[in-house]
Amino acid sequence: MPFEFQKRTIATVKKLNQCDDEGKDWAPKCKLYESKANAPVVSYIHGGDHKYPDEGHALIVKFFKEHEKK
């Protein structure tokens, strides 16, 4: 999938989740976008291939530990 499509998907999800336009660094290669609707978004952008990142599982756990459902 072209990166431009991925960027549009991230922008759409951020809009639907009422996220800030400017993300903050959250982890290496990751930006966290806070949400007015308690639905934050994290983007992970790297220049690699279609390989699942080695740190993927750890980042998912980190996200859910920091953003418990309310």
PDB file of N, CA and C in Angstrom:
ATOM      1  N   MET A   1       0.849  -1.166   0.000  1.00  0.00           N
ATOM      2  CA  MET A   1       0.000   0.000   0.000  1.00  0.00           C
ATOM      3  C   MET A   1       0.901   1.238   0.000  1.00  0.00           C
ATOM      4  N   PRO A   2       0.642   2.189  -0.857  1.00  0.00           N
ATOM      5  CA  PRO A   2       1.454   3.406  -0.884  1.00  0.00           C
ATOM      6  C   PRO A   2       1.379   4.160   0.447  1.00  0.00           C
ATOM      7  N   PHE A   3       2.500   4.751   0.831  1.00  0.00           N
ATOM      8  CA  PHE A   3       2.575   5.468   2.103  1.00  0.00           C
ATOM      9  C   PHE A   3       1.561   6.606   2.166  1.00  0.00           C
ATOM     10  N   GLU A   4       1.266   7.239   1.050  1.00  0.00           N
ATOM     11  CA  GLU A   4       0.277   8.327   1.043  1.00  0.00           C
ATOM     12  C   GLU A   4      -1.093   7.827   1.517  1.00  0.00           C
ATOM     13  N   PHE A   5      -1.466   6.610   1.138  1.00  0.00           N
ATOM     14  CA  PHE A   5      -2.732   6.032   1.602  1.00  0.00           C
ATOM     15  C   PHE A   5      -2.689   5.805   3.109  1.00  0.00           C
ATOM     16  N   GLN A   6      -1.567   5.337   3.598  1.00  0.00           N
ATOM     17  CA  GLN A   6      -1.418   5.102   5.034  1.00  0.00           C
ATOM     18  C   GLN A   6      -1.525   6.409   5.807  1.00  0.00           C
ATOM     19  N   LYS A   7      -0.905   7.466   5.287  1.00  0.00           N
ATOM     20  CA  LYS A   7      -0.982   8.768   5.954  1.00  0.00           C
ATOM     21  C   LYS A   7      -2.424   9.272   5.984  1.00  0.00           C
ATOM     22  N   ARG A   8      -3.173   9.060   4.916  1.00  0.00           N
ATOM     23  CA  ARG A   8      -4.580   9.479   4.897  1.00  0.00           C
ATOM     24  C   ARG A   8      -5.404   8.664   5.899  1.00  0.00           C
ATOM     25  N   THR A   9      -5.087   7.386   6.030  1.00  0.00           N
ATOM     26  CA  THR A   9      -5.799   6.548   7.004  1.00  0.00           C
ATOM     27  C   THR A   9      -5.533   7.036   8.423  1.00  0.00           C
ATOM     28  N   ILE A  10      -4.286   7.338   8.738  1.00  0.00           N
ATOM     29  CA  ILE A  10      -3.945   7.865  10.070  1.00  0.00           C
ATOM     30  C   ILE A  10      -4.696   9.169  10.313  1.00  0.00           C
ATOM     31  N   ALA A  11      -4.705  10.065   9.333  1.00  0.00           N
ATOM     32  CA  ALA A  11      -5.406  11.345   9.477  1.00  0.00           C
ATOM     33  C   ALA A  11      -6.902  11.136   9.713  1.00  0.00           C
ATOM     34  N   THR A  12      -7.492  10.174   9.018  1.00  0.00           N
ATOM     35  CA  THR A  12      -8.926   9.897   9.179  1.00  0.00           C
ATOM     36  C   THR A  12      -9.226   9.363  10.574  1.00  0.00           C
ATOM     37  N   VAL A  13      -8.414   8.434  11.054  1.00  0.00           N
ATOM     38  CA  VAL A  13      -8.620   7.866  12.393  1.00  0.00           C
ATOM     39  C   VAL A  13      -8.447   8.954  13.453  1.00  0.00           C
ATOM     40  N   LYS A  14      -7.430   9.801  13.292  1.00  0.00           N
ATOM     41  CA  LYS A  14      -7.233  10.904  14.232  1.00  0.00           C
ATOM     42  C   LYS A  14      -8.453  11.822  14.263  1.00  0.00           C
ATOM     43  N   LYS A  15      -9.016  12.115  13.101  1.00  0.00           N
ATOM     44  CA  LYS A  15     -10.203  12.980  13.039  1.00  0.00           C
ATOM     45  C   LYS A  15     -11.398  12.311  13.719  1.00  0.00           C
ATOM     46  N   LEU A  16     -11.640  11.044  13.398  1.00  0.00           N
ATOM     47  CA  LEU A  16     -12.760  10.316  14.010  1.00  0.00           C
ATOM     48  C   LEU A  16     -12.624  10.230  15.526  1.00  0.00           C
ATOM     49  N   ASN A  17     -11.396  10.113  16.009  1.00  0.00           N
ATOM     50  CA  ASN A  17     -11.141   9.973  17.448  1.00  0.00           C
ATOM     51  C   ASN A  17     -10.942  11.317  18.139  1.00  0.00           C
ATOM     52  N   GLN A  18     -11.130  12.409  17.402  1.00  0.00           N
ATOM     53  CA  GLN A  18     -11.001  13.766  17.932  1.00  0.00           C
ATOM     54  C   GLN A  18      -9.624  13.998  18.556  1.00  0.00           C
ATOM     55  N   CYS A  19      -8.593  13.635  17.807  1.00  0.00           N
ATOM     56  CA  CYS A  19      -7.223  13.753  18.293  1.00  0.00           C
ATOM     57  C   CYS A  19      -6.616  15.100  17.931  1.00  0.00           C
ATOM     58  N   ASP A  20      -5.614  15.486  18.722  1.00  0.00           N
ATOM     59  CA  ASP A  20      -4.817  16.661  18.418  1.00  0.00           C
ATOM     60  C   ASP A  20      -4.121  16.448  17.081  1.00  0.00           C
ATOM     61  N   ASP A  21      -3.894  17.541  16.363  1.00  0.00           N
ATOM     62  CA  ASP A  21      -3.176  17.445  15.093  1.00  0.00           C
ATOM     63  C   ASP A  21      -1.701  17.144  15.308  1.00  0.00           C
ATOM     64  N   GLU A  22      -1.130  17.720  16.344  1.00  0.00           N
ATOM     65  CA  GLU A  22       0.291  17.540  16.613  1.00  0.00           C
ATOM     66  C   GLU A  22       0.485  16.419  17.627  1.00  0.00           C
ATOM     67  N   GLY A  23       1.170  15.392  17.211  1.00  0.00           N
ATOM     68  CA  GLY A  23       1.480  14.315  18.130  1.00  0.00           C
ATOM     69  C   GLY A  23       2.745  14.633  18.919  1.00  0.00           C
ATOM     70  N   LYS A  24       2.951  13.857  19.968  1.00  0.00           N
ATOM     71  CA  LYS A  24       4.180  14.002  20.734  1.00  0.00           C
ATOM     72  C   LYS A  24       4.948  12.689  20.656  1.00  0.00           C
ATOM     73  N   ASP A  25       6.261  12.784  20.733  1.00  0.00           N
ATOM     74  CA  ASP A  25       7.073  11.575  20.720  1.00  0.00           C
ATOM     75  C   ASP A  25       6.662  10.692  21.884  1.00  0.00           C
ATOM     76  N   TRP A  26       6.454   9.419  21.604  1.00  0.00           N
ATOM     77  CA  TRP A  26       5.957   8.498  22.616  1.00  0.00           C
ATOM     78  C   TRP A  26       6.914   7.325  22.817  1.00  0.00           C
ATOM     79  N   ALA A  27       7.503   6.869  21.760  1.00  0.00           N
ATOM     80  CA  ALA A  27       8.499   5.792  21.761  1.00  0.00           C
ATOM     81  C   ALA A  27       9.273   5.953  20.454  1.00  0.00           C
ATOM     82  N   PRO A  28      10.387   5.269  20.321  1.00  0.00           N
ATOM     83  CA  PRO A  28      11.107   5.380  19.046  1.00  0.00           C
ATOM     84  C   PRO A  28      10.182   5.066  17.854  1.00  0.00           C
ATOM     85  N   LYS A  29      10.169   5.968  16.892  1.00  0.00           N
ATOM     86  CA  LYS A  29       9.375   5.849  15.667  1.00  0.00           C
ATOM     87  C   LYS A  29       7.871   6.009  15.902  1.00  0.00           C
ATOM     88  N   CYS A  30       7.465   6.395  17.098  1.00  0.00           N
ATOM     89  CA  CYS A  30       6.042   6.500  17.435  1.00  0.00           C
ATOM     90  C   CYS A  30       5.661   7.910  17.839  1.00  0.00           C
ATOM     91  N   LYS A  31       4.458   8.299  17.430  1.00  0.00           N
ATOM     92  CA  LYS A  31       3.842   9.558  17.858  1.00  0.00           C
ATOM     93  C   LYS A  31       2.514   9.217  18.518  1.00  0.00           C
ATOM     94  N   LEU A  32       2.249   9.889  19.635  1.00  0.00           N
ATOM     95  CA  LEU A  32       0.984   9.739  20.342  1.00  0.00           C
ATOM     96  C   LEU A  32       0.147  10.980  20.096  1.00  0.00           C
ATOM     97  N   TYR A  33      -1.098  10.771  19.699  1.00  0.00           N
ATOM     98  CA  TYR A  33      -2.043  11.853  19.467  1.00  0.00           C
ATOM     99  C   TYR A  33      -3.130  11.749  20.527  1.00  0.00           C
ATOM    100  N   GLU A  34      -3.167  12.720  21.435  1.00  0.00           N
ATOM    101  CA  GLU A  34      -4.169  12.725  22.504  1.00  0.00           C
ATOM    102  C   GLU A  34      -5.545  12.971  21.901  1.00  0.00           C
ATOM    103  N   SER A  35      -6.572  12.503  22.599  1.00  0.00           N
ATOM    104  CA  SER A  35      -7.933  12.545  22.083  1.00  0.00           C
ATOM    105  C   SER A  35      -8.885  13.207  23.067  1.00  0.00           C
ATOM    106  N   LYS A  36      -9.759  14.051  22.541  1.00  0.00           N
ATOM    107  CA  LYS A  36     -10.812  14.657  23.367  1.00  0.00           C
ATOM    108  C   LYS A  36     -11.892  13.624  23.700  1.00  0.00           C
ATOM    109  N   ALA A  37     -11.937  12.523  22.967  1.00  0.00           N
ATOM    110  CA  ALA A  37     -12.956  11.483  23.148  1.00  0.00           C
ATOM    111  C   ALA A  37     -12.399  10.262  23.887  1.00  0.00           C
ATOM    112  N   ASN A  38     -11.247  10.418  24.540  1.00  0.00           N
ATOM    113  CA  ASN A  38     -10.600   9.319  25.253  1.00  0.00           C
ATOM    114  C   ASN A  38     -10.324   8.139  24.317  1.00  0.00           C
ATOM    115  N   ALA A  39      -9.851   8.460  23.116  1.00  0.00           N
ATOM    116  CA  ALA A  39      -9.525   7.438  22.119  1.00  0.00           C
ATOM    117  C   ALA A  39      -8.215   7.822  21.428  1.00  0.00           C
ATOM    118  N   PRO A  40      -7.102   7.829  22.182  1.00  0.00           N
ATOM    119  CA  PRO A  40      -5.827   8.270  21.602  1.00  0.00           C
ATOM    120  C   PRO A  40      -5.366   7.352  20.477  1.00  0.00           C
ATOM    121  N   VAL A  41      -4.520   7.913  19.635  1.00  0.00           N
ATOM    122  CA  VAL A  41      -3.971   7.176  18.494  1.00  0.00           C
ATOM    123  C   VAL A  41      -2.451   7.224  18.582  1.00  0.00           C
ATOM    124  N   VAL A  42      -1.818   6.094  18.293  1.00  0.00           N
ATOM    125  CA  VAL A  42      -0.362   6.041  18.180  1.00  0.00           C
ATOM    126  C   VAL A  42      -0.031   5.626  16.753  1.00  0.00           C
ATOM    127  N   SER A  43       0.873   6.375  16.136  1.00  0.00           N
ATOM    128  CA  SER A  43       1.367   5.972  14.817  1.00  0.00           C
ATOM    129  C   SER A  43       2.799   5.472  14.974  1.00  0.00           C
ATOM    130  N   TYR A  44       3.129   4.432  14.235  1.00  0.00           N
ATOM    131  CA  TYR A  44       4.479   3.853  14.212  1.00  0.00           C
ATOM    132  C   TYR A  44       4.933   3.928  12.760  1.00  0.00           C
ATOM    133  N   ILE A  45       5.895   4.795  12.496  1.00  0.00           N
ATOM    134  CA  ILE A  45       6.321   4.995  11.114  1.00  0.00           C
ATOM    135  C   ILE A  45       7.808   4.693  11.003  1.00  0.00           C
ATOM    136  N   HIS A  46       8.125   3.783  10.103  1.00  0.00           N
ATOM    137  CA  HIS A  46       9.509   3.383   9.890  1.00  0.00           C
ATOM    138  C   HIS A  46       9.760   3.271   8.394  1.00  0.00           C
ATOM    139  N   GLY A  47      10.993   3.247   8.028  1.00  0.00           N
ATOM    140  CA  GLY A  47      11.352   3.168   6.620  1.00  0.00           C
ATOM    141  C   GLY A  47      11.643   1.762   6.144  1.00  0.00           C
ATOM    142  N   GLY A  48      11.230   0.789   6.919  1.00  0.00           N
ATOM    143  CA  GLY A  48      11.546  -0.595   6.599  1.00  0.00           C
ATOM    144  C   GLY A  48      10.564  -1.261   5.662  1.00  0.00           C
ATOM    145  N   ASP A  49      10.680  -2.557   5.599  1.00  0.00           N
ATOM    146  CA  ASP A  49       9.815  -3.339   4.710  1.00  0.00           C
ATOM    147  C   ASP A  49       8.522  -3.712   5.435  1.00  0.00           C
ATOM    148  N   HIS A  50       7.853  -4.740   4.969  1.00  0.00           N
ATOM    149  CA  HIS A  50       6.582  -5.165   5.537  1.00  0.00           C
ATOM    150  C   HIS A  50       6.743  -6.171   6.664  1.00  0.00           C
ATOM    151  N   LYS A  51       7.833  -6.104   7.377  1.00  0.00           N
ATOM    152  CA  LYS A  51       8.101  -7.000   8.492  1.00  0.00           C
ATOM    153  C   LYS A  51       7.482  -6.421   9.765  1.00  0.00           C
ATOM    154  N   TYR A  52       6.827  -7.275  10.560  1.00  0.00           N
ATOM    155  CA  TYR A  52       6.288  -6.844  11.850  1.00  0.00           C
ATOM    156  C   TYR A  52       7.462  -6.439  12.732  1.00  0.00           C
ATOM    157  N   PRO A  53       7.407  -5.267  13.358  1.00  0.00           N
ATOM    158  CA  PRO A  53       8.555  -4.806  14.148  1.00  0.00           C
ATOM    159  C   PRO A  53       8.791  -5.674  15.379  1.00  0.00           C
ATOM    160  N   ASP A  54      10.047  -5.905  15.678  1.00  0.00           N
ATOM    161  CA  ASP A  54      10.408  -6.726  16.844  1.00  0.00           C
ATOM    162  C   ASP A  54       9.807  -6.172  18.134  1.00  0.00           C
ATOM    163  N   GLU A  55       9.705  -4.853  18.228  1.00  0.00           N
ATOM    164  CA  GLU A  55       9.191  -4.221  19.445  1.00  0.00           C
ATOM    165  C   GLU A  55       7.675  -4.047  19.419  1.00  0.00           C
ATOM    166  N   GLY A  56       7.003  -4.572  18.410  1.00  0.00           N
ATOM    167  CA  GLY A  56       5.563  -4.377  18.253  1.00  0.00           C
ATOM    168  C   GLY A  56       4.740  -4.800  19.451  1.00  0.00           C
ATOM    169  N   HIS A  57       4.964  -5.987  19.954  1.00  0.00           N
ATOM    170  CA  HIS A  57       4.184  -6.477  21.094  1.00  0.00           C
ATOM    171  C   HIS A  57       4.403  -5.597  22.325  1.00  0.00           C
ATOM    172  N   ALA A  58       5.648  -5.229  22.589  1.00  0.00           N
ATOM    173  CA  ALA A  58       5.957  -4.395  23.755  1.00  0.00           C
ATOM    174  C   ALA A  58       5.278  -3.027  23.648  1.00  0.00           C
ATOM    175  N   LEU A  59       5.218  -2.467  22.439  1.00  0.00           N
ATOM    176  CA  LEU A  59       4.564  -1.175  22.260  1.00  0.00           C
ATOM    177  C   LEU A  59       3.051  -1.279  22.477  1.00  0.00           C
ATOM    178  N   ILE A  60       2.450  -2.358  22.043  1.00  0.00           N
ATOM    179  CA  ILE A  60       1.014  -2.560  22.263  1.00  0.00           C
ATOM    180  C   ILE A  60       0.720  -2.665  23.758  1.00  0.00           C
ATOM    181  N   VAL A  61       1.528  -3.431  24.478  1.00  0.00           N
ATOM    182  CA  VAL A  61       1.351  -3.556  25.933  1.00  0.00           C
ATOM    183  C   VAL A  61       1.521  -2.199  26.601  1.00  0.00           C
ATOM    184  N   LYS A  62       2.560  -1.460  26.218  1.00  0.00           N
ATOM    185  CA  LYS A  62       2.805  -0.125  26.778  1.00  0.00           C
ATOM    186  C   LYS A  62       1.585   0.777  26.563  1.00  0.00           C
ATOM    187  N   PHE A  63       1.030   0.763  25.357  1.00  0.00           N
ATOM    188  CA  PHE A  63      -0.131   1.597  25.061  1.00  0.00           C
ATOM    189  C   PHE A  63      -1.288   1.268  25.995  1.00  0.00           C
ATOM    190  N   PHE A  64      -1.623  -0.012  26.127  1.00  0.00           N
ATOM    191  CA  PHE A  64      -2.779  -0.377  26.940  1.00  0.00           C
ATOM    192  C   PHE A  64      -2.527  -0.184  28.431  1.00  0.00           C
ATOM    193  N   LYS A  65      -1.310  -0.273  28.865  1.00  0.00           N
ATOM    194  CA  LYS A  65      -1.012   0.027  30.278  1.00  0.00           C
ATOM    195  C   LYS A  65      -1.178   1.510  30.567  1.00  0.00           C
ATOM    196  N   GLU A  66      -0.844   2.355  29.602  1.00  0.00           N
ATOM    197  CA  GLU A  66      -0.939   3.798  29.790  1.00  0.00           C
ATOM    198  C   GLU A  66      -2.328   4.351  29.496  1.00  0.00           C
ATOM    199  N   HIS A  67      -3.146   3.622  28.750  1.00  0.00           N
ATOM    200  CA  HIS A  67      -4.453   4.132  28.328  1.00  0.00           C
ATOM    201  C   HIS A  67      -5.539   3.109  28.623  1.00  0.00           C
ATOM    202  N   GLU A  68      -5.826   2.941  29.894  1.00  0.00           N
ATOM    203  CA  GLU A  68      -6.864   1.977  30.240  1.00  0.00           C
ATOM    204  C   GLU A  68      -8.228   2.529  29.873  1.00  0.00           C
ATOM    205  N   LYS A  69      -9.138   1.635  29.565  1.00  0.00           N
ATOM    206  CA  LYS A  69     -10.491   2.017  29.143  1.00  0.00           C
ATOM    207  C   LYS A  69     -11.223   2.694  30.298  1.00  0.00           C
ATOM    208  N   LYS A  70     -11.906   3.780  29.977  1.00  0.00           N
ATOM    209  CA  LYS A  70     -12.679   4.511  31.003  1.00  0.00           C
ATOM    210  C   LYS A  70     -14.140   4.447  30.710  1.00  0.00           C
TER     211      LYS A  70
END
